[in-house]
Protein backbone atom coordinates (compact mmCIF):
# COMPACT_ATOMS: atom_id res chain seq x y z
CA MET A 1 1.67 11.93 12.92
CA LYS A 2 -0.97 14.51 11.89
CA TYR A 3 -4.43 13.25 11.64
CA ALA A 4 -6.91 15.27 9.85
CA ILE A 5 -9.85 12.71 10.06
CA GLN A 6 -12.74 13.66 12.15
CA ASN A 7 -15.53 11.34 11.14
CA ILE A 8 -15.12 7.50 10.59
CA TYR A 9 -17.57 5.19 9.28
CA LEU A 10 -16.75 1.38 10.26
CA ALA A 11 -18.96 -1.27 8.80
CA GLU A 12 -17.87 -4.80 10.68
CA ASP A 13 -20.01 -7.56 11.71
CA ASP A 14 -17.36 -8.71 14.09
CA MET A 15 -17.58 -6.97 17.45
CA ASP A 16 -13.79 -8.20 18.46
CA ASP A 17 -12.66 -6.23 15.43
CA VAL A 18 -14.91 -3.41 16.45
CA TYR A 19 -13.31 -3.38 20.11
CA PHE A 20 -9.82 -3.47 18.95
CA PHE A 21 -10.56 -0.66 16.21
CA ARG A 22 -11.92 1.35 19.15
CA LEU A 23 -9.03 0.47 21.39
CA ILE A 24 -6.38 1.82 18.67
CA LEU A 25 -8.20 5.07 18.12
CA SER A 26 -8.09 5.50 21.66
CA LYS A 27 -4.21 4.61 22.11
CA LEU A 28 -3.59 7.06 19.01
CA LYS A 29 -5.18 9.42 20.86
CA LEU A 30 -7.48 10.72 17.91
CA ASN A 31 -10.05 12.98 18.67
CA CYS A 32 -12.77 11.74 16.14
CA ASN A 33 -15.98 10.22 15.82
CA LEU A 34 -16.60 6.50 15.27
CA ILE A 35 -19.82 5.50 13.72
CA VAL A 36 -20.25 1.68 13.38
CA ALA A 37 -22.61 -0.60 11.23
CA ASN A 38 -23.21 -3.94 11.49
CA ASP A 39 -23.53 -4.70 7.83
CA GLY A 40 -23.68 -2.75 4.57
CA HIS A 41 -27.42 -1.98 4.61
CA GLU A 42 -27.02 -0.54 8.14
CA LEU A 43 -24.10 1.40 6.86
CA LEU A 44 -26.03 3.03 4.15
CA CYS A 45 -28.57 3.92 6.44
CA LYS A 46 -26.31 5.76 8.94
CA LEU A 47 -24.75 7.62 5.94
CA LYS A 48 -28.36 8.65 4.94
CA ASN A 49 -29.59 9.79 8.46
CA SER A 50 -26.13 11.18 9.76
CA PRO A 51 -25.98 15.23 10.02
CA SER A 52 -22.09 14.81 9.59
CA ASP A 53 -20.31 13.87 6.74
CA PRO A 54 -17.85 11.10 6.66
CA ASP A 55 -14.00 11.76 6.18
CA ILE A 56 -13.49 8.27 5.53
CA ILE A 57 -15.47 4.77 5.34
CA LEU A 58 -14.18 1.23 6.07
CA ILE A 59 -15.97 -1.61 5.10
CA ASP A 60 -15.54 -5.40 5.66
CA ILE A 61 -16.14 -7.63 2.83
CA ASN A 62 -17.89 -10.58 4.15
CA MET A 63 -20.89 -9.37 6.39
CA PRO A 64 -24.44 -10.60 6.50
CA VAL A 65 -27.47 -8.89 4.70
CA MET A 66 -25.25 -6.64 2.49
CA ASN A 67 -21.70 -7.54 1.91
CA GLY A 68 -18.54 -4.85 1.38
CA LEU A 69 -18.47 -4.91 -2.33
CA GLU A 70 -22.21 -4.58 -2.88
CA THR A 71 -22.14 -1.56 -0.14
CA LEU A 72 -19.20 -0.13 -1.90
CA ASP A 73 -21.01 -0.51 -5.12
CA LYS A 74 -23.80 1.65 -3.86
CA ILE A 75 -21.64 4.09 -2.05
CA LYS A 76 -19.78 4.91 -5.22
CA LYS A 77 -22.83 5.42 -7.27
CA ASN A 78 -24.02 7.96 -4.45
CA PRO A 79 -23.54 11.53 -5.87
CA LYS A 80 -23.10 12.71 -2.40
CA LEU A 81 -20.70 10.04 -1.25
CA HIS A 82 -18.80 9.05 -4.35
CA SER A 83 -15.63 10.74 -3.36
CA VAL A 84 -15.62 9.85 0.23
CA PRO A 85 -12.43 7.43 0.40
CA VAL A 86 -13.80 3.94 0.89
CA ILE A 87 -11.40 1.44 2.07
CA ILE A 88 -12.00 -2.51 2.19
CA TYR A 89 -11.00 -3.57 5.77
CA SER A 90 -10.83 -7.64 5.62
CA THR A 91 -9.03 -10.78 6.60
CA SER A 92 -9.44 -11.99 3.05
CA GLN A 93 -6.15 -11.88 0.87
CA ASN A 94 -8.09 -13.39 -2.28
CA LEU A 95 -6.58 -11.61 -5.04
CA THR A 96 -10.15 -11.72 -6.60
CA ASP A 97 -11.38 -9.82 -3.56
CA VAL A 98 -8.72 -7.42 -4.29
CA GLU A 99 -9.37 -6.85 -8.07
CA LYS A 100 -12.95 -6.48 -7.37
CA ALA A 101 -12.35 -3.99 -4.85
CA PHE A 102 -10.09 -1.88 -7.09
CA LYS A 103 -12.37 -1.94 -9.79
CA CYS A 104 -15.45 -0.76 -7.90
CA GLY A 105 -13.52 2.22 -6.99
CA ALA A 106 -12.27 1.43 -3.41
CA SER A 107 -9.56 3.97 -2.27
CA SER A 108 -7.37 0.93 -0.85
CA TYR A 109 -7.32 -2.38 0.59
CA LEU A 110 -6.30 -3.42 4.17
CA ILE A 111 -5.66 -6.70 5.17
CA LYS A 112 -6.43 -7.23 9.08
CA PRO A 113 -3.35 -8.47 10.72
CA PHE A 114 -3.62 -10.78 13.79
CA ASP A 115 -1.67 -8.79 16.49
CA LEU A 116 -2.56 -5.51 17.87
CA GLU A 117 0.99 -4.06 17.13
CA SER A 118 0.35 -4.29 13.27
CA LEU A 119 -3.40 -3.20 13.52
CA GLU A 120 -2.28 0.01 14.95
CA LYS A 121 0.33 0.64 12.75
CA LEU A 122 -1.89 -0.13 9.92
CA ILE A 123 -4.33 2.25 11.21
CA ALA A 124 -2.27 4.77 11.89
CA LYS A 125 -0.75 4.78 8.54
CA VAL A 126 -4.14 4.77 6.98
CA LEU A 127 -5.67 7.73 8.90
CA SER A 128 -2.50 9.82 8.08
CA TYR A 129 -3.08 9.55 4.46
CA ASP A 130 -4.00 12.70 2.26
CA TRP A 131 -6.74 10.57 0.71
CA LYS A 132 -7.48 13.44 -1.98
CA GLN A 133 -3.86 12.81 -3.20
CA TYR A 134 -3.53 9.04 -2.86
CA ILE A 135 -4.63 7.54 -5.88
CA PRO A 136 -3.21 3.84 -6.37
CA ASN A 137 -2.81 3.20 -10.35
CA LYS A 138 -2.13 -0.53 -9.90
CA ILE A 139 -2.82 -3.43 -7.42
CA SER A 140 0.63 -3.24 -5.59
CA GLU A 141 -0.07 0.56 -4.40
CA PHE A 142 -3.76 -0.28 -3.49
CA VAL A 143 -3.43 -2.95 -0.85
CA ILE A 144 -1.76 -1.52 2.44
CA SER A 145 0.10 -3.40 4.89
CA PRO A 146 1.49 -2.28 8.23
């Protein structure tokens, strides 16, 4: 698989999930930067102050201070960031969350699997997409699974 992504931003408050995400990037032998924020507010600050533009942003829904959907809304309203692919990365399988993310302009919705092998497949799949070409038109195309 070819990966063209250099700068990955991840908003995630669960440090175990961050650890597993880093581990998988290492296993995939990706030469990329992972910038981690603990909540949506911290992510927006890092995006504003970063010298490098994001290639992709992954956001958990359930976070303190500013949740993922609020963060997504602010990113999509920012002219500098509105075209960056933003992916919701959550354990929530709630259809209401999925529909809200779709309506708010997320590029996709990933349901975190509970085993490392499935998580590795999911992350590899997502990072291999050409996000400028992949535009889901319906919910069934929007949710990505391993």
